[in-house]
Amino acid sequence: MSAEAFAALRKTQGEELAKLAEEHFKHDLREEDRDLVKSAATKASTHALIGSLAGLALGGYFAFRIRANRNAMYQAFRAAEKPTHIRFASGREEAIPDITPLLKPTGLGDVMTYTFFSIAGVFLGGETGLLTGTWSARRTITSDPDRRERIEKAFRSFRADVLRKQLEELESGRKESIWS
């Protein structure tokens, strides 16, 4: 599993793309458009971070609850009266092994529970935060039709430049790519 699997840890796709985006950012947009785009980008990353932290906390809480319930179930099983022998119709009697020690919660099980639930919480919370942040950022950008048109035009121009660079790489057969 790579760090790219978690929304809070994702990075951009390369220095060249960042430079290209910065050029379009400076030349194709007005100052208030740039501020709005920066604000929208901050919203998405903030939502992803808050979602990841909330997911981590919720995962830890669920792990604690499962561990407590598992321990309570073990204590109830240990305290319950259990048969020690079984008698068959023929009169033969066999001892029943005590499985209570096998059901005892272990430290390794606790570590695995906390680890699994924390990672799952970070993943689900981060992805949910990224979705809500993207939705909020999109709403911010599309609130003014004129501004939205300017931003979309700048983005289309950026995408066209990225495709041109990718085409140049394909035609030249370079092994190094802005996508690696």
N, C-alpha and C. Protein backbone atom coordinates (compact mmCIF):
# COMPACT_ATOMS: atom_id res chain seq x y z
N MET A 1 0.85 -1.16 0.00
CA MET A 1 0.00 0.00 0.00
C MET A 1 0.90 1.23 0.00
N SER A 2 0.63 2.13 -0.89
CA SER A 2 1.45 3.34 -0.98
C SER A 2 0.78 4.49 -0.24
N ALA A 3 1.53 5.54 -0.05
CA ALA A 3 1.00 6.73 0.61
C ALA A 3 -0.07 7.39 -0.25
N GLU A 4 -0.08 7.10 -1.54
CA GLU A 4 -1.08 7.69 -2.44
C GLU A 4 -2.48 7.15 -2.18
N ALA A 5 -2.59 6.06 -1.41
CA ALA A 5 -3.89 5.48 -1.12
C ALA A 5 -4.69 6.35 -0.17
N PHE A 6 -4.01 7.20 0.59
CA PHE A 6 -4.69 8.05 1.55
C PHE A 6 -4.82 9.46 0.99
N ALA A 7 -6.03 9.99 1.05
CA ALA A 7 -6.31 11.29 0.44
C ALA A 7 -5.47 12.41 1.03
N ALA A 8 -5.18 12.34 2.31
CA ALA A 8 -4.43 13.43 2.95
C ALA A 8 -2.97 13.43 2.53
N LEU A 9 -2.45 12.33 1.98
CA LEU A 9 -1.04 12.24 1.64
C LEU A 9 -0.75 12.32 0.15
N ARG A 10 -1.78 12.52 -0.67
CA ARG A 10 -1.56 12.56 -2.11
C ARG A 10 -0.78 13.81 -2.50
N LYS A 11 0.06 13.65 -3.50
CA LYS A 11 0.88 14.76 -3.99
C LYS A 11 0.51 15.07 -5.44
N THR A 12 1.06 16.17 -5.94
CA THR A 12 0.83 16.52 -7.34
C THR A 12 1.60 15.56 -8.24
N GLN A 13 1.43 15.70 -9.55
CA GLN A 13 2.01 14.73 -10.47
C GLN A 13 3.35 15.16 -11.05
N GLY A 14 4.02 16.10 -10.45
CA GLY A 14 5.36 16.43 -10.92
C GLY A 14 5.63 17.91 -10.93
N GLU A 15 6.92 18.21 -10.93
CA GLU A 15 7.37 19.59 -10.93
C GLU A 15 6.99 20.31 -12.22
N GLU A 16 7.10 19.63 -13.36
CA GLU A 16 6.78 20.28 -14.64
C GLU A 16 5.31 20.69 -14.69
N LEU A 17 4.45 19.80 -14.21
CA LEU A 17 3.03 20.14 -14.19
C LEU A 17 2.76 21.32 -13.27
N ALA A 18 3.45 21.36 -12.15
CA ALA A 18 3.26 22.47 -11.21
C ALA A 18 3.69 23.79 -11.85
N LYS A 19 4.83 23.77 -12.56
CA LYS A 19 5.30 24.99 -13.23
C LYS A 19 4.32 25.43 -14.31
N LEU A 20 3.85 24.47 -15.07
CA LEU A 20 2.90 24.79 -16.14
C LEU A 20 1.61 25.37 -15.56
N ALA A 21 1.13 24.77 -14.51
CA ALA A 21 -0.09 25.26 -13.87
C ALA A 21 0.13 26.66 -13.32
N GLU A 22 1.29 26.92 -12.75
CA GLU A 22 1.60 28.24 -12.21
C GLU A 22 1.61 29.30 -13.31
N GLU A 23 2.13 28.95 -14.48
CA GLU A 23 2.14 29.90 -15.60
C GLU A 23 0.72 30.25 -16.02
N HIS A 24 -0.11 29.24 -16.16
CA HIS A 24 -1.51 29.52 -16.52
C HIS A 24 -2.21 30.28 -15.41
N PHE A 25 -1.86 29.96 -14.21
CA PHE A 25 -2.46 30.61 -13.05
C PHE A 25 -2.15 32.10 -13.06
N LYS A 26 -0.92 32.46 -13.40
CA LYS A 26 -0.51 33.86 -13.41
C LYS A 26 -1.08 34.64 -14.59
N HIS A 27 -1.12 34.01 -15.77
CA HIS A 27 -1.45 34.75 -16.98
C HIS A 27 -2.92 34.69 -17.39
N ASP A 28 -3.60 33.62 -17.08
CA ASP A 28 -4.96 33.44 -17.57
C ASP A 28 -6.04 33.91 -16.61
N LEU A 29 -5.68 34.19 -15.37
CA LEU A 29 -6.69 34.52 -14.36
C LEU A 29 -6.45 35.90 -13.76
N ARG A 30 -7.52 36.52 -13.31
CA ARG A 30 -7.42 37.78 -12.59
C ARG A 30 -7.00 37.49 -11.14
N GLU A 31 -6.66 38.53 -10.42
CA GLU A 31 -6.20 38.37 -9.03
C GLU A 31 -7.29 37.74 -8.16
N GLU A 32 -8.53 38.22 -8.30
CA GLU A 32 -9.61 37.66 -7.47
C GLU A 32 -9.91 36.21 -7.87
N ASP A 33 -9.70 35.87 -9.14
CA ASP A 33 -9.87 34.48 -9.58
C ASP A 33 -8.80 33.58 -8.95
N ARG A 34 -7.58 34.09 -8.92
CA ARG A 34 -6.49 33.32 -8.30
C ARG A 34 -6.76 33.09 -6.82
N ASP A 35 -7.22 34.13 -6.14
CA ASP A 35 -7.53 33.99 -4.72
C ASP A 35 -8.65 32.97 -4.51
N LEU A 36 -9.64 32.99 -5.38
CA LEU A 36 -10.75 32.05 -5.26
C LEU A 36 -10.29 30.61 -5.51
N VAL A 37 -9.44 30.42 -6.51
CA VAL A 37 -8.93 29.08 -6.81
C VAL A 37 -8.07 28.57 -5.66
N LYS A 38 -7.23 29.45 -5.09
CA LYS A 38 -6.42 29.05 -3.93
C LYS A 38 -7.32 28.68 -2.75
N SER A 39 -8.35 29.47 -2.54
CA SER A 39 -9.29 29.19 -1.45
C SER A 39 -9.98 27.85 -1.66
N ALA A 40 -10.38 27.59 -2.90
CA ALA A 40 -11.04 26.31 -3.21
C ALA A 40 -10.09 25.13 -3.01
N ALA A 41 -8.84 25.29 -3.41
CA ALA A 41 -7.86 24.22 -3.23
C ALA A 41 -7.61 23.97 -1.74
N THR A 42 -7.56 25.04 -0.97
CA THR A 42 -7.37 24.91 0.47
C THR A 42 -8.56 24.20 1.11
N LYS A 43 -9.76 24.49 0.62
CA LYS A 43 -10.95 23.82 1.15
C LYS A 43 -10.86 22.32 0.96
N ALA A 44 -10.47 21.90 -0.23
CA ALA A 44 -10.41 20.46 -0.50
C ALA A 44 -9.38 19.78 0.40
N SER A 45 -8.19 20.38 0.54
CA SER A 45 -7.18 19.73 1.37
C SER A 45 -7.54 19.80 2.85
N THR A 46 -8.17 20.89 3.27
CA THR A 46 -8.60 20.99 4.67
C THR A 46 -9.66 19.96 4.99
N HIS A 47 -10.62 19.79 4.11
CA HIS A 47 -11.66 18.79 4.32
C HIS A 47 -11.05 17.39 4.39
N ALA A 48 -10.09 17.11 3.52
CA ALA A 48 -9.44 15.79 3.52
C ALA A 48 -8.68 15.57 4.83
N LEU A 49 -7.99 16.59 5.32
CA LEU A 49 -7.25 16.46 6.57
C LEU A 49 -8.20 16.27 7.75
N ILE A 50 -9.23 17.09 7.81
CA ILE A 50 -10.20 16.96 8.92
C ILE A 50 -10.91 15.61 8.85
N GLY A 51 -11.27 15.18 7.65
CA GLY A 51 -11.90 13.87 7.50
C GLY A 51 -10.97 12.74 7.93
N SER A 52 -9.69 12.85 7.59
CA SER A 52 -8.72 11.82 8.00
C SER A 52 -8.57 11.77 9.52
N LEU A 53 -8.49 12.94 10.14
CA LEU A 53 -8.38 12.98 11.60
C LEU A 53 -9.64 12.46 12.28
N ALA A 54 -10.79 12.85 11.75
CA ALA A 54 -12.05 12.35 12.32
C ALA A 54 -12.17 10.84 12.13
N GLY A 55 -11.74 10.35 10.97
CA GLY A 55 -11.76 8.91 10.72
C GLY A 55 -10.82 8.16 11.65
N LEU A 56 -9.65 8.74 11.92
CA LEU A 56 -8.71 8.14 12.85
C LEU A 56 -9.32 8.06 14.25
N ALA A 57 -9.94 9.14 14.70
CA ALA A 57 -10.57 9.15 16.02
C ALA A 57 -11.72 8.15 16.09
N LEU A 58 -12.54 8.12 15.05
CA LEU A 58 -13.67 7.19 15.04
C LEU A 58 -13.19 5.74 14.97
N GLY A 59 -12.16 5.48 14.18
CA GLY A 59 -11.59 4.14 14.12
C GLY A 59 -11.03 3.71 15.46
N GLY A 60 -10.33 4.61 16.15
CA GLY A 60 -9.82 4.30 17.48
C GLY A 60 -10.94 4.03 18.47
N TYR A 61 -12.01 4.82 18.39
CA TYR A 61 -13.15 4.61 19.28
C TYR A 61 -13.80 3.24 19.02
N PHE A 62 -14.02 2.91 17.75
CA PHE A 62 -14.62 1.60 17.44
C PHE A 62 -13.71 0.46 17.87
N ALA A 63 -12.42 0.62 17.71
CA ALA A 63 -11.48 -0.42 18.15
C ALA A 63 -11.55 -0.59 19.67
N PHE A 64 -11.63 0.53 20.39
CA PHE A 64 -11.76 0.46 21.84
C PHE A 64 -13.03 -0.26 22.25
N ARG A 65 -14.13 0.07 21.57
CA ARG A 65 -15.42 -0.57 21.91
C ARG A 65 -15.38 -2.07 21.61
N ILE A 66 -14.81 -2.45 20.49
CA ILE A 66 -14.74 -3.87 20.14
C ILE A 66 -13.84 -4.61 21.14
N ARG A 67 -12.72 -3.99 21.51
CA ARG A 67 -11.83 -4.61 22.48
C ARG A 67 -12.54 -4.78 23.82
N ALA A 68 -13.26 -3.76 24.26
CA ALA A 68 -13.99 -3.84 25.54
C ALA A 68 -15.07 -4.93 25.48
N ASN A 69 -15.80 -5.00 24.37
CA ASN A 69 -16.84 -6.03 24.24
C ASN A 69 -16.24 -7.43 24.18
N ARG A 70 -15.12 -7.56 23.49
CA ARG A 70 -14.44 -8.86 23.42
C ARG A 70 -13.97 -9.30 24.81
N ASN A 71 -13.45 -8.35 25.60
CA ASN A 71 -13.01 -8.66 26.95
C ASN A 71 -14.20 -9.02 27.84
N ALA A 72 -15.31 -8.29 27.72
CA ALA A 72 -16.50 -8.59 28.52
C ALA A 72 -17.06 -9.96 28.16
N MET A 73 -17.05 -10.31 26.88
CA MET A 73 -17.54 -11.62 26.45
C MET A 73 -16.65 -12.72 27.03
N TYR A 74 -15.35 -12.50 27.04
CA TYR A 74 -14.43 -13.49 27.61
C TYR A 74 -14.69 -13.66 29.11
N GLN A 75 -14.86 -12.55 29.81
CA GLN A 75 -15.12 -12.63 31.26
C GLN A 75 -16.42 -13.37 31.53
N ALA A 76 -17.45 -13.13 30.73
CA ALA A 76 -18.73 -13.84 30.91
C ALA A 76 -18.58 -15.32 30.61
N PHE A 77 -17.84 -15.65 29.59
CA PHE A 77 -17.63 -17.06 29.24
C PHE A 77 -16.82 -17.77 30.32
N ARG A 78 -15.82 -17.07 30.85
CA ARG A 78 -14.99 -17.65 31.89
C ARG A 78 -15.77 -17.89 33.17
N ALA A 79 -16.70 -16.99 33.49
CA ALA A 79 -17.48 -17.11 34.73
C ALA A 79 -18.64 -18.10 34.61
N ALA A 80 -19.03 -18.41 33.39
CA ALA A 80 -20.19 -19.31 33.19
C ALA A 80 -19.81 -20.73 33.58
N GLU A 81 -20.82 -21.45 34.05
CA GLU A 81 -20.62 -22.86 34.40
C GLU A 81 -20.59 -23.67 33.12
N LYS A 82 -19.53 -24.47 33.01
CA LYS A 82 -19.35 -25.26 31.79
C LYS A 82 -19.26 -26.73 32.17
N PRO A 83 -19.77 -27.58 31.31
CA PRO A 83 -19.63 -29.02 31.61
C PRO A 83 -18.17 -29.44 31.48
N THR A 84 -17.80 -30.41 32.31
CA THR A 84 -16.42 -30.89 32.27
C THR A 84 -16.30 -32.28 31.65
N HIS A 85 -17.43 -33.01 31.64
CA HIS A 85 -17.44 -34.36 31.08
C HIS A 85 -18.72 -34.57 30.27
N ILE A 86 -18.65 -35.50 29.36
CA ILE A 86 -19.83 -35.88 28.59
C ILE A 86 -20.02 -37.39 28.78
N ARG A 87 -21.26 -37.77 29.03
CA ARG A 87 -21.57 -39.18 29.25
C ARG A 87 -22.41 -39.67 28.08
N PHE A 88 -21.95 -40.75 27.45
CA PHE A 88 -22.65 -41.34 26.32
C PHE A 88 -23.68 -42.35 26.81
N ALA A 89 -24.58 -42.77 25.93
CA ALA A 89 -25.64 -43.72 26.29
C ALA A 89 -25.05 -45.05 26.73
N SER A 90 -23.89 -45.39 26.25
CA SER A 90 -23.27 -46.66 26.63
C SER A 90 -22.65 -46.61 28.02
N GLY A 91 -22.63 -45.42 28.63
CA GLY A 91 -22.06 -45.28 29.96
C GLY A 91 -20.63 -44.76 29.93
N ARG A 92 -20.05 -44.70 28.79
CA ARG A 92 -18.68 -44.20 28.67
C ARG A 92 -18.68 -42.70 28.93
N GLU A 93 -17.65 -42.23 29.62
CA GLU A 93 -17.52 -40.82 29.98
C GLU A 93 -16.22 -40.26 29.42
N GLU A 94 -16.33 -39.11 28.77
CA GLU A 94 -15.15 -38.45 28.18
C GLU A 94 -15.03 -37.05 28.78
N ALA A 95 -13.78 -36.63 29.00
CA ALA A 95 -13.53 -35.28 29.51
C ALA A 95 -13.61 -34.27 28.36
N ILE A 96 -14.20 -33.13 28.65
CA ILE A 96 -14.28 -32.04 27.67
C ILE A 96 -13.13 -31.08 27.97
N PRO A 97 -12.29 -30.80 26.98
CA PRO A 97 -11.17 -29.89 27.25
C PRO A 97 -11.67 -28.47 27.53
N ASP A 98 -10.95 -27.78 28.38
CA ASP A 98 -11.29 -26.40 28.71
C ASP A 98 -10.69 -25.48 27.64
N ILE A 99 -11.55 -24.79 26.90
CA ILE A 99 -11.08 -23.91 25.82
C ILE A 99 -11.02 -22.45 26.26
N THR A 100 -11.28 -22.19 27.53
CA THR A 100 -11.28 -20.81 28.02
C THR A 100 -9.97 -20.09 27.73
N PRO A 101 -8.79 -20.69 27.94
CA PRO A 101 -7.55 -19.95 27.64
C PRO A 101 -7.39 -19.60 26.16
N LEU A 102 -8.02 -20.36 25.28
CA LEU A 102 -7.92 -20.07 23.85
C LEU A 102 -8.75 -18.86 23.44
N LEU A 103 -9.75 -18.51 24.24
CA LEU A 103 -10.62 -17.38 23.92
C LEU A 103 -10.16 -16.08 24.55
N LYS A 104 -9.12 -16.13 25.37
CA LYS A 104 -8.64 -14.95 26.06
C LYS A 104 -8.10 -13.92 25.05
N PRO A 105 -8.53 -12.65 25.18
CA PRO A 105 -7.99 -11.61 24.29
C PRO A 105 -6.48 -11.46 24.49
N THR A 106 -5.77 -11.24 23.39
CA THR A 106 -4.32 -11.11 23.45
C THR A 106 -3.88 -9.70 23.07
N GLY A 107 -2.67 -9.38 23.43
CA GLY A 107 -2.11 -8.08 23.07
C GLY A 107 -1.97 -7.93 21.56
N LEU A 108 -1.58 -9.02 20.89
CA LEU A 108 -1.45 -8.97 19.43
C LEU A 108 -2.80 -8.69 18.78
N GLY A 109 -3.85 -9.32 19.30
CA GLY A 109 -5.20 -9.07 18.77
C GLY A 109 -5.62 -7.62 18.98
N ASP A 110 -5.25 -7.06 20.13
CA ASP A 110 -5.56 -5.65 20.40
C ASP A 110 -4.82 -4.72 19.43
N VAL A 111 -3.54 -5.01 19.21
CA VAL A 111 -2.75 -4.20 18.28
C VAL A 111 -3.34 -4.29 16.88
N MET A 112 -3.70 -5.49 16.45
CA MET A 112 -4.29 -5.66 15.12
C MET A 112 -5.63 -4.92 15.00
N THR A 113 -6.43 -4.98 16.06
CA THR A 113 -7.73 -4.29 16.05
C THR A 113 -7.54 -2.78 15.91
N TYR A 114 -6.68 -2.22 16.76
CA TYR A 114 -6.45 -0.77 16.69
C TYR A 114 -5.84 -0.37 15.35
N THR A 115 -4.92 -1.16 14.85
CA THR A 115 -4.28 -0.84 13.57
C THR A 115 -5.29 -0.87 12.43
N PHE A 116 -6.05 -1.95 12.34
CA PHE A 116 -7.01 -2.08 11.25
C PHE A 116 -8.06 -0.97 11.29
N PHE A 117 -8.65 -0.75 12.46
CA PHE A 117 -9.70 0.26 12.54
C PHE A 117 -9.16 1.67 12.33
N SER A 118 -7.94 1.94 12.77
CA SER A 118 -7.36 3.27 12.56
C SER A 118 -7.07 3.52 11.08
N ILE A 119 -6.48 2.53 10.42
CA ILE A 119 -6.19 2.70 8.99
C ILE A 119 -7.48 2.82 8.19
N ALA A 120 -8.46 1.99 8.51
CA ALA A 120 -9.74 2.07 7.80
C ALA A 120 -10.41 3.42 8.05
N GLY A 121 -10.33 3.92 9.27
CA GLY A 121 -10.91 5.22 9.59
C GLY A 121 -10.24 6.35 8.84
N VAL A 122 -8.90 6.31 8.79
CA VAL A 122 -8.17 7.35 8.05
C VAL A 122 -8.54 7.30 6.57
N PHE A 123 -8.60 6.11 6.00
CA PHE A 123 -8.93 5.98 4.59
C PHE A 123 -10.35 6.47 4.30
N LEU A 124 -11.33 5.96 5.04
CA LEU A 124 -12.72 6.35 4.78
C LEU A 124 -12.97 7.82 5.10
N GLY A 125 -12.43 8.29 6.21
CA GLY A 125 -12.61 9.69 6.58
C GLY A 125 -11.94 10.62 5.60
N GLY A 126 -10.74 10.26 5.15
CA GLY A 126 -10.02 11.10 4.18
C GLY A 126 -10.73 11.16 2.85
N GLU A 127 -11.21 10.02 2.38
CA GLU A 127 -11.93 10.02 1.11
C GLU A 127 -13.24 10.79 1.21
N THR A 128 -13.94 10.63 2.32
CA THR A 128 -15.18 11.38 2.51
C THR A 128 -14.88 12.88 2.59
N GLY A 129 -13.83 13.24 3.32
CA GLY A 129 -13.43 14.65 3.40
C GLY A 129 -13.03 15.21 2.05
N LEU A 130 -12.33 14.40 1.26
CA LEU A 130 -11.95 14.85 -0.08
C LEU A 130 -13.18 15.08 -0.95
N LEU A 131 -14.16 14.20 -0.85
CA LEU A 131 -15.40 14.38 -1.62
C LEU A 131 -16.15 15.65 -1.19
N THR A 132 -16.29 15.85 0.12
CA THR A 132 -17.01 17.04 0.58
C THR A 132 -16.22 18.31 0.28
N GLY A 133 -14.89 18.24 0.38
CA GLY A 133 -14.06 19.40 0.05
C GLY A 133 -14.13 19.75 -1.42
N THR A 134 -14.13 18.74 -2.28
CA THR A 134 -14.25 18.98 -3.71
C THR A 134 -15.61 19.58 -4.04
N TRP A 135 -16.64 19.06 -3.41
CA TRP A 135 -17.99 19.59 -3.63
C TRP A 135 -18.07 21.04 -3.17
N SER A 136 -17.51 21.34 -2.01
CA SER A 136 -17.52 22.70 -1.49
C SER A 136 -16.70 23.64 -2.38
N ALA A 137 -15.54 23.17 -2.83
CA ALA A 137 -14.70 23.99 -3.71
C ALA A 137 -15.40 24.26 -5.04
N ARG A 138 -16.04 23.24 -5.57
CA ARG A 138 -16.76 23.42 -6.84
C ARG A 138 -17.89 24.43 -6.68
N ARG A 139 -18.60 24.36 -5.56
CA ARG A 139 -19.67 25.32 -5.31
C ARG A 139 -19.12 26.74 -5.21
N THR A 140 -17.96 26.88 -4.58
CA THR A 140 -17.33 28.20 -4.45
C THR A 140 -16.97 28.76 -5.82
N ILE A 141 -16.38 27.93 -6.66
CA ILE A 141 -15.93 28.39 -7.98
C ILE A 141 -17.11 28.68 -8.91
N THR A 142 -18.15 27.88 -8.85
CA THR A 142 -19.26 28.03 -9.80
C THR A 142 -20.32 29.02 -9.33
N SER A 143 -20.09 29.71 -8.21
CA SER A 143 -21.12 30.62 -7.71
C SER A 143 -21.31 31.84 -8.63
N ASP A 144 -20.24 32.32 -9.27
CA ASP A 144 -20.32 33.46 -10.18
C ASP A 144 -20.09 32.97 -11.61
N PRO A 145 -21.07 33.11 -12.51
CA PRO A 145 -20.94 32.57 -13.87
C PRO A 145 -19.76 33.15 -14.66
N ASP A 146 -19.50 34.46 -14.54
CA ASP A 146 -18.38 35.07 -15.28
C ASP A 146 -17.04 34.51 -14.80
N ARG A 147 -16.89 34.45 -13.50
CA ARG A 147 -15.65 33.92 -12.92
C ARG A 147 -15.49 32.45 -13.29
N ARG A 148 -16.58 31.72 -13.24
CA ARG A 148 -16.55 30.30 -13.59
C ARG A 148 -16.06 30.12 -15.03
N GLU A 149 -16.55 30.96 -15.94
CA GLU A 149 -16.14 30.87 -17.34
C GLU A 149 -14.65 31.14 -17.51
N ARG A 150 -14.13 32.15 -16.80
CA ARG A 150 -12.69 32.46 -16.89
C ARG A 150 -11.85 31.29 -16.34
N ILE A 151 -12.27 30.73 -15.24
CA ILE A 151 -11.51 29.63 -14.63
C ILE A 151 -11.56 28.40 -15.52
N GLU A 152 -12.73 28.11 -16.09
CA GLU A 152 -12.85 26.95 -16.99
C GLU A 152 -11.98 27.15 -18.24
N LYS A 153 -11.94 28.38 -18.76
CA LYS A 153 -11.11 28.65 -19.94
C LYS A 153 -9.63 28.44 -19.61
N ALA A 154 -9.19 28.92 -18.46
CA ALA A 154 -7.80 28.74 -18.04
C ALA A 154 -7.49 27.26 -17.84
N PHE A 155 -8.45 26.51 -17.29
CA PHE A 155 -8.23 25.09 -17.06
C PHE A 155 -8.15 24.33 -18.39
N ARG A 156 -9.03 24.69 -19.34
CA ARG A 156 -8.96 24.04 -20.66
C ARG A 156 -7.61 24.32 -21.33
N SER A 157 -7.14 25.55 -21.21
CA SER A 157 -5.84 25.91 -21.79
C SER A 157 -4.72 25.11 -21.12
N PHE A 158 -4.79 24.96 -19.81
CA PHE A 158 -3.80 24.16 -19.08
C PHE A 158 -3.84 22.70 -19.54
N ARG A 159 -5.03 22.13 -19.66
CA ARG A 159 -5.14 20.74 -20.10
C ARG A 159 -4.59 20.56 -21.51
N ALA A 160 -4.84 21.53 -22.38
CA ALA A 160 -4.31 21.44 -23.75
C ALA A 160 -2.78 21.45 -23.72
N ASP A 161 -2.18 22.30 -22.90
CA ASP A 161 -0.72 22.33 -22.79
C ASP A 161 -0.18 21.02 -22.23
N VAL A 162 -0.86 20.46 -21.26
CA VAL A 162 -0.42 19.18 -20.69
C VAL A 162 -0.49 18.09 -21.75
N LEU A 163 -1.55 18.06 -22.53
CA LEU A 163 -1.66 17.07 -23.61
C LEU A 163 -0.59 17.28 -24.67
N ARG A 164 -0.26 18.54 -24.97
CA ARG A 164 0.83 18.80 -25.92
C ARG A 164 2.16 18.26 -25.40
N LYS A 165 2.44 18.48 -24.13
CA LYS A 165 3.68 17.96 -23.54
C LYS A 165 3.69 16.44 -23.55
N GLN A 166 2.57 15.85 -23.26
CA GLN A 166 2.49 14.39 -23.27
C GLN A 166 2.69 13.86 -24.69
N LEU A 167 2.14 14.54 -25.68
CA LEU A 167 2.33 14.15 -27.07
C LEU A 167 3.80 14.27 -27.48
N GLU A 168 4.45 15.34 -27.07
CA GLU A 168 5.88 15.51 -27.34
C GLU A 168 6.68 14.35 -26.74
N GLU A 169 6.35 13.96 -25.52
CA GLU A 169 7.05 12.85 -24.88
C GLU A 169 6.83 11.55 -25.65
N LEU A 170 5.61 11.32 -26.09
CA LEU A 170 5.32 10.10 -26.84
C LEU A 170 6.07 10.08 -28.17
N GLU A 171 6.09 11.20 -28.84
CA GLU A 171 6.76 11.27 -30.14
C GLU A 171 8.28 11.16 -30.01
N SER A 172 8.84 11.72 -28.96
CA SER A 172 10.29 11.67 -28.80
C SER A 172 10.74 10.35 -28.19
N GLY A 173 9.83 9.60 -27.58
CA GLY A 173 10.17 8.30 -27.00
C GLY A 173 10.99 8.41 -25.72
N ARG A 174 10.86 9.52 -25.01
CA ARG A 174 11.61 9.68 -23.76
C ARG A 174 11.12 8.69 -22.72
N LYS A 175 12.07 8.20 -21.94
CA LYS A 175 11.71 7.27 -20.85
C LYS A 175 11.26 8.06 -19.63
N GLU A 176 11.91 9.20 -19.37
CA GLU A 176 11.52 10.04 -18.24
C GLU A 176 10.24 10.76 -18.62
N SER A 177 9.28 10.76 -17.73
CA SER A 177 8.00 11.36 -18.03
C SER A 177 7.58 12.27 -16.89
N ILE A 178 6.74 13.22 -17.19
CA ILE A 178 6.18 14.05 -16.12
C ILE A 178 5.15 13.27 -15.33
N TRP A 179 4.80 12.09 -15.79
CA TRP A 179 3.77 11.28 -15.13
C TRP A 179 4.36 10.26 -14.18
N SER A 180 5.70 10.10 -14.14
CA SER A 180 6.27 9.09 -13.26
C SER A 180 6.58 9.63 -11.91
